[in-house]
Amino acid sequence: MIVRPHEHWLSRIFVWHGSVLPKIFSRLLLNFLLSITVIAMLPWYSSLGVKLTVAPFSILGVAIAIFLGFRNNACYSRYVEARQLWGQLMIASRSLLREVKNTLPPDSDIASFVRLQIAFVHSLRMQLRHVPQEPTLAKYLTQEQLSQVLAVQSPANRILLLMGNWLAAQRQQGALSDILFHSLNNRLNDMSVVLAGCERIAGTPVPFAYSLILHRTVYLFCIMLPFALVGDLHYMTPFISVLISYTFISLDVLAEELEEPFGVENNDLPLDAISTAIEIELLQMNDETNVPAKILPDKCYQLT
């Protein structure tokens, strides 16, 4: 995620870090070179007796803009839902630990339960980003717990089971009544809902055919555009063509980033920062002093 301070409108026009321009610069350059080639070929092109006007491009451009808007809205909805799920995880984690600390005796081993909560958060983050989990989880789980977690398809779900087993053990020892156990178990169910929601978003992309037809149409439009503009604009064709292409291609690329909100692109969710923030909250609620540092944006305003 890009986190930039508020800037003057003029300086924002020239922003490089955080925009999609670095990713599409080569494509815009090709469009610029194509436009120059079309200008050079204009005498030959005119001799063919074929004149391409801007009329069909005006109609097609409006249609593309509408469908790009629909696609971007769909992808942004996935992004917003993903952020809401991680916000719910923050709430559920705080509430669960608060209830555990308020209901269990002071001599209970709550620290081990806190480690399970933190392990769940990091496991979910790594599961969504498809990165190895063992090095990170080894800091929070025992060797036996770690072997159980890494042996299953969904490590985060296994950690939820371990948390449920810990609460069940407290119930069997008489530290929790049936009513309190039911209340705490509901908090685990809230975390399970977050897990399932994140898995649904990660495992169900926007239909490929829908993205493909827009992708093809955008690039065919940008390739053919200089041929329609050159008759009227002549030497201004490269600049106008690049400007229009920038609008359509950038919207197409931005939708691709928002479609997968759990990745590491500039406009994806900062799962590292959110996970660390939850870890800090839980450790401080348990009155521990050895807490990690808060993750801040780097020099390019990127928050991972």
C-alpha atoms as a PDB file:
ATOM      1  CA  MET A   1       0.000   0.000   0.000  1.00  0.00           C
ATOM      2  CA  ILE A   2       1.189   3.486  -0.824  1.00  0.00           C
ATOM      3  CA  VAL A   3       0.928   5.916   2.085  1.00  0.00           C
ATOM      4  CA  ARG A   4       1.841   9.415   0.963  1.00  0.00           C
ATOM      5  CA  PRO A   5       1.400  12.732   2.780  1.00  0.00           C
ATOM      6  CA  HIS A   6      -0.972  15.271   1.287  1.00  0.00           C
ATOM      7  CA  GLU A   7       0.749  17.148  -1.515  1.00  0.00           C
ATOM      8  CA  HIS A   8       0.084  20.152  -3.677  1.00  0.00           C
ATOM      9  CA  TRP A   9      -1.915  19.297  -6.791  1.00  0.00           C
ATOM     10  CA  LEU A  10       0.943  20.388  -9.041  1.00  0.00           C
ATOM     11  CA  SER A  11       3.539  18.137  -7.402  1.00  0.00           C
ATOM     12  CA  ARG A  12       1.116  15.205  -7.459  1.00  0.00           C
ATOM     13  CA  ILE A  13       1.002  15.363 -11.245  1.00  0.00           C
ATOM     14  CA  PHE A  14       4.663  14.302 -11.347  1.00  0.00           C
ATOM     15  CA  VAL A  15       4.448  11.526  -8.734  1.00  0.00           C
ATOM     16  CA  TRP A  16       6.330   8.391  -9.822  1.00  0.00           C
ATOM     17  CA  HIS A  17       6.425   6.092  -6.774  1.00  0.00           C
ATOM     18  CA  GLY A  18       3.024   4.601  -6.135  1.00  0.00           C
ATOM     19  CA  SER A  19       1.608   5.150  -9.597  1.00  0.00           C
ATOM     20  CA  VAL A  20       1.254   2.441 -12.239  1.00  0.00           C
ATOM     21  CA  LEU A  21       3.403   4.476 -14.623  1.00  0.00           C
ATOM     22  CA  PRO A  22       6.616   2.469 -13.956  1.00  0.00           C
ATOM     23  CA  LYS A  23       4.801  -0.716 -14.998  1.00  0.00           C
ATOM     24  CA  ILE A  24       3.287   0.700 -18.188  1.00  0.00           C
ATOM     25  CA  PHE A  25       6.062   3.078 -19.242  1.00  0.00           C
ATOM     26  CA  SER A  26       7.454   0.632 -21.834  1.00  0.00           C
ATOM     27  CA  ARG A  27       3.987   0.145 -23.330  1.00  0.00           C
ATOM     28  CA  LEU A  28       3.435   3.886 -23.603  1.00  0.00           C
ATOM     29  CA  LEU A  29       6.845   4.231 -25.202  1.00  0.00           C
ATOM     30  CA  LEU A  30       5.874   1.641 -27.822  1.00  0.00           C
ATOM     31  CA  ASN A  31       2.685   3.574 -28.488  1.00  0.00           C
ATOM     32  CA  PHE A  32       4.715   6.766 -28.888  1.00  0.00           C
ATOM     33  CA  LEU A  33       7.084   5.083 -31.348  1.00  0.00           C
ATOM     34  CA  LEU A  34       4.173   3.597 -33.246  1.00  0.00           C
ATOM     35  CA  SER A  35       2.621   7.057 -33.551  1.00  0.00           C
ATOM     36  CA  ILE A  36       5.864   8.454 -34.967  1.00  0.00           C
ATOM     37  CA  THR A  37       5.993   5.587 -37.458  1.00  0.00           C
ATOM     38  CA  VAL A  38       2.414   6.291 -38.515  1.00  0.00           C
ATOM     39  CA  ILE A  39       3.320   9.961 -39.133  1.00  0.00           C
ATOM     40  CA  ALA A  40       6.252   8.886 -41.301  1.00  0.00           C
ATOM     41  CA  MET A  41       3.983   6.496 -43.223  1.00  0.00           C
ATOM     42  CA  LEU A  42       1.197   9.069 -43.685  1.00  0.00           C
ATOM     43  CA  PRO A  43       1.867   9.767 -47.440  1.00  0.00           C
ATOM     44  CA  TRP A  44       1.812   6.041 -48.226  1.00  0.00           C
ATOM     45  CA  TYR A  45      -1.136   5.490 -45.909  1.00  0.00           C
ATOM     46  CA  SER A  46      -3.110   8.272 -47.646  1.00  0.00           C
ATOM     47  CA  SER A  47      -2.331   6.882 -51.093  1.00  0.00           C
ATOM     48  CA  LEU A  48      -4.212   3.701 -50.238  1.00  0.00           C
ATOM     49  CA  GLY A  49      -7.465   5.616 -50.174  1.00  0.00           C
ATOM     50  CA  VAL A  50      -8.361   4.268 -46.740  1.00  0.00           C
ATOM     51  CA  LYS A  51      -9.207   6.931 -44.188  1.00  0.00           C
ATOM     52  CA  LEU A  52      -9.796   5.900 -40.609  1.00  0.00           C
ATOM     53  CA  THR A  53     -11.789   8.502 -38.674  1.00  0.00           C
ATOM     54  CA  VAL A  54     -12.112   9.055 -34.946  1.00  0.00           C
ATOM     55  CA  ALA A  55     -15.888   8.430 -34.969  1.00  0.00           C
ATOM     56  CA  PRO A  56     -15.762   4.648 -34.302  1.00  0.00           C
ATOM     57  CA  PHE A  57     -13.022   5.193 -31.725  1.00  0.00           C
ATOM     58  CA  SER A  58     -15.213   7.669 -29.867  1.00  0.00           C
ATOM     59  CA  ILE A  59     -17.994   5.096 -29.548  1.00  0.00           C
ATOM     60  CA  LEU A  60     -15.588   2.274 -28.725  1.00  0.00           C
ATOM     61  CA  GLY A  61     -13.726   4.437 -26.212  1.00  0.00           C
ATOM     62  CA  VAL A  62     -16.927   5.165 -24.277  1.00  0.00           C
ATOM     63  CA  ALA A  63     -17.791   1.452 -24.193  1.00  0.00           C
ATOM     64  CA  ILE A  64     -14.292   0.516 -22.999  1.00  0.00           C
ATOM     65  CA  ALA A  65     -14.386   3.200 -20.310  1.00  0.00           C
ATOM     66  CA  ILE A  66     -17.719   1.897 -18.994  1.00  0.00           C
ATOM     67  CA  PHE A  67     -16.570  -1.715 -18.839  1.00  0.00           C
ATOM     68  CA  LEU A  68     -13.230  -0.743 -17.307  1.00  0.00           C
ATOM     69  CA  GLY A  69     -15.194   1.132 -14.653  1.00  0.00           C
ATOM     70  CA  PHE A  70     -17.290  -1.959 -13.933  1.00  0.00           C
ATOM     71  CA  ARG A  71     -14.196  -4.120 -13.671  1.00  0.00           C
ATOM     72  CA  ASN A  72     -12.356  -1.660 -11.440  1.00  0.00           C
ATOM     73  CA  ASN A  73     -15.381  -1.428  -9.162  1.00  0.00           C
ATOM     74  CA  ALA A  74     -15.521  -5.212  -8.888  1.00  0.00           C
ATOM     75  CA  CYS A  75     -11.803  -5.426  -8.099  1.00  0.00           C
ATOM     76  CA  TYR A  76     -11.970  -2.547  -5.625  1.00  0.00           C
ATOM     77  CA  SER A  77     -14.863  -4.271  -3.864  1.00  0.00           C
ATOM     78  CA  ARG A  78     -12.594  -7.283  -3.355  1.00  0.00           C
ATOM     79  CA  TYR A  79      -9.923  -4.969  -1.957  1.00  0.00           C
ATOM     80  CA  VAL A  80     -12.358  -3.278   0.443  1.00  0.00           C
ATOM     81  CA  GLU A  81     -13.785  -6.592   1.625  1.00  0.00           C
ATOM     82  CA  ALA A  82     -10.293  -7.946   2.243  1.00  0.00           C
ATOM     83  CA  ARG A  83      -9.422  -4.892   4.351  1.00  0.00           C
ATOM     84  CA  GLN A  84     -12.663  -5.237   6.303  1.00  0.00           C
ATOM     85  CA  LEU A  85     -11.871  -8.883   7.035  1.00  0.00           C
ATOM     86  CA  TRP A  86      -8.469  -7.968   8.455  1.00  0.00           C
ATOM     87  CA  GLY A  87     -10.124  -5.233  10.484  1.00  0.00           C
ATOM     88  CA  GLN A  88     -12.513  -7.855  11.878  1.00  0.00           C
ATOM     89  CA  LEU A  89      -9.512 -10.018  12.712  1.00  0.00           C
ATOM     90  CA  MET A  90      -8.027  -7.170  14.738  1.00  0.00           C
ATOM     91  CA  ILE A  91     -11.307  -6.770  16.647  1.00  0.00           C
ATOM     92  CA  ALA A  92     -11.739 -10.504  17.254  1.00  0.00           C
ATOM     93  CA  SER A  93      -8.140 -10.912  18.432  1.00  0.00           C
ATOM     94  CA  ARG A  94      -8.400  -8.058  20.926  1.00  0.00           C
ATOM     95  CA  SER A  95     -11.784  -9.191  22.214  1.00  0.00           C
ATOM     96  CA  LEU A  96     -10.691 -12.798  22.592  1.00  0.00           C
ATOM     97  CA  LEU A  97      -7.609 -11.960  24.614  1.00  0.00           C
ATOM     98  CA  ARG A  98      -9.499  -9.444  26.746  1.00  0.00           C
ATOM     99  CA  GLU A  99     -12.112 -12.038  27.658  1.00  0.00           C
ATOM    100  CA  VAL A 100      -9.452 -14.668  28.357  1.00  0.00           C
ATOM    101  CA  LYS A 101      -7.560 -12.323  30.696  1.00  0.00           C
ATOM    102  CA  ASN A 102     -10.744 -11.190  32.436  1.00  0.00           C
ATOM    103  CA  THR A 103     -12.127 -14.684  33.040  1.00  0.00           C
ATOM    104  CA  LEU A 104      -9.147 -16.962  33.712  1.00  0.00           C
ATOM    105  CA  PRO A 105      -7.208 -17.007  36.988  1.00  0.00           C
ATOM    106  CA  PRO A 106      -4.065 -14.815  37.103  1.00  0.00           C
ATOM    107  CA  ASP A 107      -1.788 -17.874  37.299  1.00  0.00           C
ATOM    108  CA  SER A 108      -3.031 -19.270  33.949  1.00  0.00           C
ATOM    109  CA  ASP A 109      -0.513 -19.679  31.139  1.00  0.00           C
ATOM    110  CA  ILE A 110      -2.045 -16.943  29.016  1.00  0.00           C
ATOM    111  CA  ALA A 111       1.279 -16.185  27.316  1.00  0.00           C
ATOM    112  CA  SER A 112       1.123 -19.457  25.379  1.00  0.00           C
ATOM    113  CA  PHE A 113      -2.377 -18.571  24.199  1.00  0.00           C
ATOM    114  CA  VAL A 114      -1.150 -15.155  23.073  1.00  0.00           C
ATOM    115  CA  ARG A 115       1.567 -16.886  21.035  1.00  0.00           C
ATOM    116  CA  LEU A 116      -1.100 -19.006  19.336  1.00  0.00           C
ATOM    117  CA  GLN A 117      -3.085 -15.877  18.467  1.00  0.00           C
ATOM    118  CA  ILE A 118      -0.035 -14.182  16.981  1.00  0.00           C
ATOM    119  CA  ALA A 119       0.887 -17.349  15.106  1.00  0.00           C
ATOM    120  CA  PHE A 120      -2.606 -17.440  13.572  1.00  0.00           C
ATOM    121  CA  VAL A 121      -2.303 -13.879  12.262  1.00  0.00           C
ATOM    122  CA  HIS A 122       1.107 -14.454  10.685  1.00  0.00           C
ATOM    123  CA  SER A 123       0.088 -17.853   9.352  1.00  0.00           C
ATOM    124  CA  LEU A 124      -2.933 -16.360   7.613  1.00  0.00           C
ATOM    125  CA  ARG A 125      -0.769 -13.635   6.076  1.00  0.00           C
ATOM    126  CA  MET A 126       1.803 -16.128   4.782  1.00  0.00           C
ATOM    127  CA  GLN A 127      -0.879 -18.537   3.610  1.00  0.00           C
ATOM    128  CA  LEU A 128      -2.475 -15.820   1.489  1.00  0.00           C
ATOM    129  CA  ARG A 129       0.883 -14.752   0.056  1.00  0.00           C
ATOM    130  CA  HIS A 130       2.097 -18.342  -0.503  1.00  0.00           C
ATOM    131  CA  VAL A 131       5.374 -17.937   1.364  1.00  0.00           C
ATOM    132  CA  PRO A 132       7.139 -20.496   3.639  1.00  0.00           C
ATOM    133  CA  GLN A 133       5.720 -20.441   7.156  1.00  0.00           C
ATOM    134  CA  GLU A 134       8.138 -22.505   9.210  1.00  0.00           C
ATOM    135  CA  PRO A 135      10.797 -19.810   9.945  1.00  0.00           C
ATOM    136  CA  THR A 136       8.211 -17.349  11.271  1.00  0.00           C
ATOM    137  CA  LEU A 137       5.926 -19.772  13.118  1.00  0.00           C
ATOM    138  CA  ALA A 138       8.879 -21.399  14.872  1.00  0.00           C
ATOM    139  CA  LYS A 139       9.141 -18.244  17.018  1.00  0.00           C
ATOM    140  CA  TYR A 140       5.625 -18.693  18.418  1.00  0.00           C
ATOM    141  CA  LEU A 141       4.869 -22.429  18.438  1.00  0.00           C
ATOM    142  CA  THR A 142       6.417 -25.419  20.147  1.00  0.00           C
ATOM    143  CA  GLN A 143       8.051 -28.052  17.978  1.00  0.00           C
ATOM    144  CA  GLU A 144       5.076 -30.364  18.404  1.00  0.00           C
ATOM    145  CA  GLN A 145       2.609 -27.633  17.489  1.00  0.00           C
ATOM    146  CA  LEU A 146       4.733 -26.571  14.529  1.00  0.00           C
ATOM    147  CA  SER A 147       4.825 -30.119  13.112  1.00  0.00           C
ATOM    148  CA  GLN A 148       1.036 -30.334  13.382  1.00  0.00           C
ATOM    149  CA  VAL A 149       0.505 -26.975  11.717  1.00  0.00           C
ATOM    150  CA  LEU A 150       2.860 -27.558   8.793  1.00  0.00           C
ATOM    151  CA  ALA A 151       1.417 -31.007   8.055  1.00  0.00           C
ATOM    152  CA  VAL A 152      -2.017 -29.745   6.953  1.00  0.00           C
ATOM    153  CA  GLN A 153      -3.383 -27.886   3.937  1.00  0.00           C
ATOM    154  CA  SER A 154      -4.519 -24.840   5.954  1.00  0.00           C
ATOM    155  CA  PRO A 155      -1.984 -24.059   8.707  1.00  0.00           C
ATOM    156  CA  ALA A 156      -4.062 -21.140   9.998  1.00  0.00           C
ATOM    157  CA  ASN A 157      -7.076 -23.396  10.493  1.00  0.00           C
ATOM    158  CA  ARG A 158      -4.937 -25.867  12.459  1.00  0.00           C
ATOM    159  CA  ILE A 159      -3.799 -23.046  14.747  1.00  0.00           C
ATOM    160  CA  LEU A 160      -7.454 -22.223  15.377  1.00  0.00           C
ATOM    161  CA  LEU A 161      -7.918 -25.834  16.428  1.00  0.00           C
ATOM    162  CA  LEU A 162      -4.950 -25.568  18.803  1.00  0.00           C
ATOM    163  CA  MET A 163      -6.499 -22.431  20.317  1.00  0.00           C
ATOM    164  CA  GLY A 164      -9.774 -24.294  20.776  1.00  0.00           C
ATOM    165  CA  ASN A 165      -7.919 -27.176  22.423  1.00  0.00           C
ATOM    166  CA  TRP A 166      -6.259 -24.732  24.832  1.00  0.00           C
ATOM    167  CA  LEU A 167      -9.626 -23.284  25.837  1.00  0.00           C
ATOM    168  CA  ALA A 168     -11.088 -26.789  26.183  1.00  0.00           C
ATOM    169  CA  ALA A 169      -8.231 -27.730  28.524  1.00  0.00           C
ATOM    170  CA  GLN A 170      -8.997 -24.688  30.683  1.00  0.00           C
ATOM    171  CA  ARG A 171     -12.643 -25.782  30.770  1.00  0.00           C
ATOM    172  CA  GLN A 172     -11.724 -29.306  31.818  1.00  0.00           C
ATOM    173  CA  GLN A 173      -9.561 -27.912  34.625  1.00  0.00           C
ATOM    174  CA  GLY A 174     -12.540 -25.926  35.917  1.00  0.00           C
ATOM    175  CA  ALA A 175     -11.088 -22.512  35.041  1.00  0.00           C
ATOM    176  CA  LEU A 176     -13.867 -21.834  32.527  1.00  0.00           C
ATOM    177  CA  SER A 177     -17.583 -22.395  32.892  1.00  0.00           C
ATOM    178  CA  ASP A 178     -19.675 -23.690  30.011  1.00  0.00           C
ATOM    179  CA  ILE A 179     -21.111 -20.231  29.366  1.00  0.00           C
ATOM    180  CA  LEU A 180     -17.694 -18.563  29.270  1.00  0.00           C
ATOM    181  CA  PHE A 181     -16.304 -21.322  27.069  1.00  0.00           C
ATOM    182  CA  HIS A 182     -19.183 -20.802  24.632  1.00  0.00           C
ATOM    183  CA  SER A 183     -18.511 -17.052  24.544  1.00  0.00           C
ATOM    184  CA  LEU A 184     -14.799 -17.541  23.869  1.00  0.00           C
ATOM    185  CA  ASN A 185     -15.545 -20.178  21.262  1.00  0.00           C
ATOM    186  CA  ASN A 186     -17.695 -17.634  19.422  1.00  0.00           C
ATOM    187  CA  ARG A 187     -14.606 -15.413  19.155  1.00  0.00           C
ATOM    188  CA  LEU A 188     -12.764 -18.298  17.525  1.00  0.00           C
ATOM    189  CA  ASN A 189     -15.692 -18.671  15.143  1.00  0.00           C
ATOM    190  CA  ASP A 190     -15.308 -14.983  14.229  1.00  0.00           C
ATOM    191  CA  MET A 191     -11.660 -15.626  13.375  1.00  0.00           C
ATOM    192  CA  SER A 192     -12.699 -18.679  11.359  1.00  0.00           C
ATOM    193  CA  VAL A 193     -15.101 -16.480   9.362  1.00  0.00           C
ATOM    194  CA  VAL A 194     -12.203 -14.130   8.564  1.00  0.00           C
ATOM    195  CA  LEU A 195     -10.078 -17.082   7.458  1.00  0.00           C
ATOM    196  CA  ALA A 196     -12.805 -18.427   5.188  1.00  0.00           C
ATOM    197  CA  GLY A 197     -13.485 -14.979   3.728  1.00  0.00           C
ATOM    198  CA  CYS A 198      -9.824 -14.409   2.890  1.00  0.00           C
ATOM    199  CA  GLU A 199      -9.545 -17.873   1.346  1.00  0.00           C
ATOM    200  CA  ARG A 200     -12.632 -17.171  -0.764  1.00  0.00           C
ATOM    201  CA  ILE A 201     -11.194 -13.913  -2.129  1.00  0.00           C
ATOM    202  CA  ALA A 202      -7.767 -15.458  -2.776  1.00  0.00           C
ATOM    203  CA  GLY A 203      -9.231 -18.569  -4.423  1.00  0.00           C
ATOM    204  CA  THR A 204     -11.881 -16.897  -6.595  1.00  0.00           C
ATOM    205  CA  PRO A 205     -10.387 -14.405  -9.058  1.00  0.00           C
ATOM    206  CA  VAL A 206     -12.385 -12.225 -11.420  1.00  0.00           C
ATOM    207  CA  PRO A 207     -13.525 -14.460 -14.336  1.00  0.00           C
ATOM    208  CA  PHE A 208     -10.614 -14.782 -16.751  1.00  0.00           C
ATOM    209  CA  ALA A 209     -12.707 -14.334 -19.903  1.00  0.00           C
ATOM    210  CA  TYR A 210     -14.059 -11.021 -18.585  1.00  0.00           C
ATOM    211  CA  SER A 211     -10.572  -9.686 -17.883  1.00  0.00           C
ATOM    212  CA  LEU A 212      -9.199 -11.044 -21.154  1.00  0.00           C
ATOM    213  CA  ILE A 213     -11.738  -9.388 -23.437  1.00  0.00           C
ATOM    214  CA  LEU A 214     -11.135  -6.019 -21.779  1.00  0.00           C
ATOM    215  CA  HIS A 215      -7.368  -6.494 -21.932  1.00  0.00           C
ATOM    216  CA  ARG A 216      -7.451  -7.343 -25.641  1.00  0.00           C
ATOM    217  CA  THR A 217      -9.861  -4.540 -26.501  1.00  0.00           C
ATOM    218  CA  VAL A 218      -7.814  -1.921 -24.660  1.00  0.00           C
ATOM    219  CA  TYR A 219      -4.577  -2.820 -26.427  1.00  0.00           C
ATOM    220  CA  LEU A 220      -6.175  -3.151 -29.865  1.00  0.00           C
ATOM    221  CA  PHE A 221      -7.756   0.252 -29.309  1.00  0.00           C
ATOM    222  CA  CYS A 222      -4.415   1.796 -28.359  1.00  0.00           C
ATOM    223  CA  ILE A 223      -2.656   0.214 -31.360  1.00  0.00           C
ATOM    224  CA  MET A 224      -5.228   1.425 -33.882  1.00  0.00           C
ATOM    225  CA  LEU A 225      -5.692   4.872 -32.324  1.00  0.00           C
ATOM    226  CA  PRO A 226      -2.694   6.614 -34.022  1.00  0.00           C
ATOM    227  CA  PHE A 227      -4.039   5.652 -37.461  1.00  0.00           C
ATOM    228  CA  ALA A 228      -7.293   7.484 -36.692  1.00  0.00           C
ATOM    229  CA  LEU A 229      -5.647  10.555 -35.184  1.00  0.00           C
ATOM    230  CA  VAL A 230      -2.850  11.152 -37.665  1.00  0.00           C
ATOM    231  CA  GLY A 231      -5.090  12.542 -40.420  1.00  0.00           C
ATOM    232  CA  ASP A 232      -6.284  15.426 -38.258  1.00  0.00           C
ATOM    233  CA  LEU A 233      -3.555  15.902 -35.656  1.00  0.00           C
ATOM    234  CA  HIS A 234      -0.423  15.133 -37.654  1.00  0.00           C
ATOM    235  CA  TYR A 235       2.591  15.873 -35.396  1.00  0.00           C
ATOM    236  CA  MET A 236       0.432  16.057 -32.269  1.00  0.00           C
ATOM    237  CA  THR A 237      -0.619  12.423 -32.780  1.00  0.00           C
ATOM    238  CA  PRO A 238       2.056  10.855 -30.482  1.00  0.00           C
ATOM    239  CA  PHE A 239       1.157  13.071 -27.536  1.00  0.00           C
ATOM    240  CA  ILE A 240      -2.614  12.661 -27.770  1.00  0.00           C
ATOM    241  CA  SER A 241      -2.316   8.935 -28.457  1.00  0.00           C
ATOM    242  CA  VAL A 242      -0.052   8.393 -25.446  1.00  0.00           C
ATOM    243  CA  LEU A 243      -2.358  10.441 -23.223  1.00  0.00           C
ATOM    244  CA  ILE A 244      -5.423   8.395 -24.187  1.00  0.00           C
ATOM    245  CA  SER A 245      -3.480   5.123 -23.972  1.00  0.00           C
ATOM    246  CA  TYR A 246      -2.196   6.057 -20.527  1.00  0.00           C
ATOM    247  CA  THR A 247      -5.756   6.432 -19.262  1.00  0.00           C
ATOM    248  CA  PHE A 248      -6.993   3.074 -20.544  1.00  0.00           C
ATOM    249  CA  ILE A 249      -3.873   1.004 -19.883  1.00  0.00           C
ATOM    250  CA  SER A 250      -3.395   2.386 -16.368  1.00  0.00           C
ATOM    251  CA  LEU A 251      -6.984   1.506 -15.449  1.00  0.00           C
ATOM    252  CA  ASP A 252      -6.453  -2.003 -16.816  1.00  0.00           C
ATOM    253  CA  VAL A 253      -3.238  -2.479 -14.830  1.00  0.00           C
ATOM    254  CA  LEU A 254      -4.708  -0.990 -11.659  1.00  0.00           C
ATOM    255  CA  ALA A 255      -7.590  -3.457 -11.804  1.00  0.00           C
ATOM    256  CA  GLU A 256      -5.062  -6.299 -12.040  1.00  0.00           C
ATOM    257  CA  GLU A 257      -3.396  -5.099  -8.822  1.00  0.00           C
ATOM    258  CA  LEU A 258      -6.651  -4.651  -6.915  1.00  0.00           C
ATOM    259  CA  GLU A 259      -7.921  -8.056  -8.031  1.00  0.00           C
ATOM    260  CA  GLU A 260      -5.361  -9.756  -5.766  1.00  0.00           C
ATOM    261  CA  PRO A 261      -5.412  -7.605  -2.586  1.00  0.00           C
ATOM    262  CA  PHE A 262      -3.161  -9.959  -0.604  1.00  0.00           C
ATOM    263  CA  GLY A 263      -0.109  -9.612  -2.855  1.00  0.00           C
ATOM    264  CA  VAL A 264       2.919  -7.348  -2.588  1.00  0.00           C
ATOM    265  CA  GLU A 265       2.151  -4.855  -5.359  1.00  0.00           C
ATOM    266  CA  ASN A 266       2.137  -1.120  -4.635  1.00  0.00           C
ATOM    267  CA  ASN A 267      -1.621  -0.990  -4.214  1.00  0.00           C
ATOM    268  CA  ASP A 268      -2.114  -4.243  -2.294  1.00  0.00           C
ATOM    269  CA  LEU A 269      -2.939  -4.511   1.386  1.00  0.00           C
ATOM    270  CA  PRO A 270      -0.028  -4.019   3.827  1.00  0.00           C
ATOM    271  CA  LEU A 271      -0.430  -7.407   5.512  1.00  0.00           C
ATOM    272  CA  ASP A 272       3.022  -7.257   7.129  1.00  0.00           C
ATOM    273  CA  ALA A 273       2.173  -3.961   8.820  1.00  0.00           C
ATOM    274  CA  ILE A 274      -1.311  -5.126   9.870  1.00  0.00           C
ATOM    275  CA  SER A 275       0.019  -8.432  11.260  1.00  0.00           C
ATOM    276  CA  THR A 276       2.737  -6.648  13.215  1.00  0.00           C
ATOM    277  CA  ALA A 277       0.200  -4.134  14.559  1.00  0.00           C
ATOM    278  CA  ILE A 278      -1.994  -6.974  15.833  1.00  0.00           C
ATOM    279  CA  GLU A 279       1.042  -8.655  17.397  1.00  0.00           C
ATOM    280  CA  ILE A 280       2.020  -5.438  19.194  1.00  0.00           C
ATOM    281  CA  GLU A 281      -1.530  -4.990  20.493  1.00  0.00           C
ATOM    282  CA  LEU A 282      -1.739  -8.538  21.852  1.00  0.00           C
ATOM    283  CA  LEU A 283       1.675  -8.447  23.515  1.00  0.00           C
ATOM    284  CA  GLN A 284       0.978  -5.099  25.156  1.00  0.00           C
ATOM    285  CA  MET A 285      -2.415  -6.325  26.370  1.00  0.00           C
ATOM    286  CA  ASN A 286      -0.521  -9.150  28.075  1.00  0.00           C
ATOM    287  CA  ASP A 287       1.856  -6.598  29.670  1.00  0.00           C
ATOM    288  CA  GLU A 288       4.890  -7.813  27.746  1.00  0.00           C
ATOM    289  CA  THR A 289       7.689  -5.381  26.990  1.00  0.00           C
ATOM    290  CA  ASN A 290       9.543  -7.252  24.233  1.00  0.00           C
ATOM    291  CA  VAL A 291       7.384  -6.127  21.329  1.00  0.00           C
ATOM    292  CA  PRO A 292       8.369  -5.694  17.672  1.00  0.00           C
ATOM    293  CA  ALA A 293       8.758  -2.278  16.116  1.00  0.00           C
ATOM    294  CA  LYS A 294       5.852  -0.851  14.177  1.00  0.00           C
ATOM    295  CA  ILE A 295       6.301  -1.145  10.419  1.00  0.00           C
ATOM    296  CA  LEU A 296       6.373   2.258   8.717  1.00  0.00           C
ATOM    297  CA  PRO A 297       6.383   3.242   5.016  1.00  0.00           C
ATOM    298  CA  ASP A 298       9.791   3.161   3.328  1.00  0.00           C
ATOM    299  CA  LYS A 299      11.384   6.045   1.448  1.00  0.00           C
ATOM    300  CA  CYS A 300       9.152   5.309  -1.534  1.00  0.00           C
ATOM    301  CA  TYR A 301       6.056   5.505   0.681  1.00  0.00           C
ATOM    302  CA  GLN A 302       5.508   1.756   0.322  1.00  0.00           C
ATOM    303  CA  LEU A 303       3.904   0.004   3.306  1.00  0.00           C
ATOM    304  CA  THR A 304       4.137  -3.786   2.999  1.00  0.00           C
END
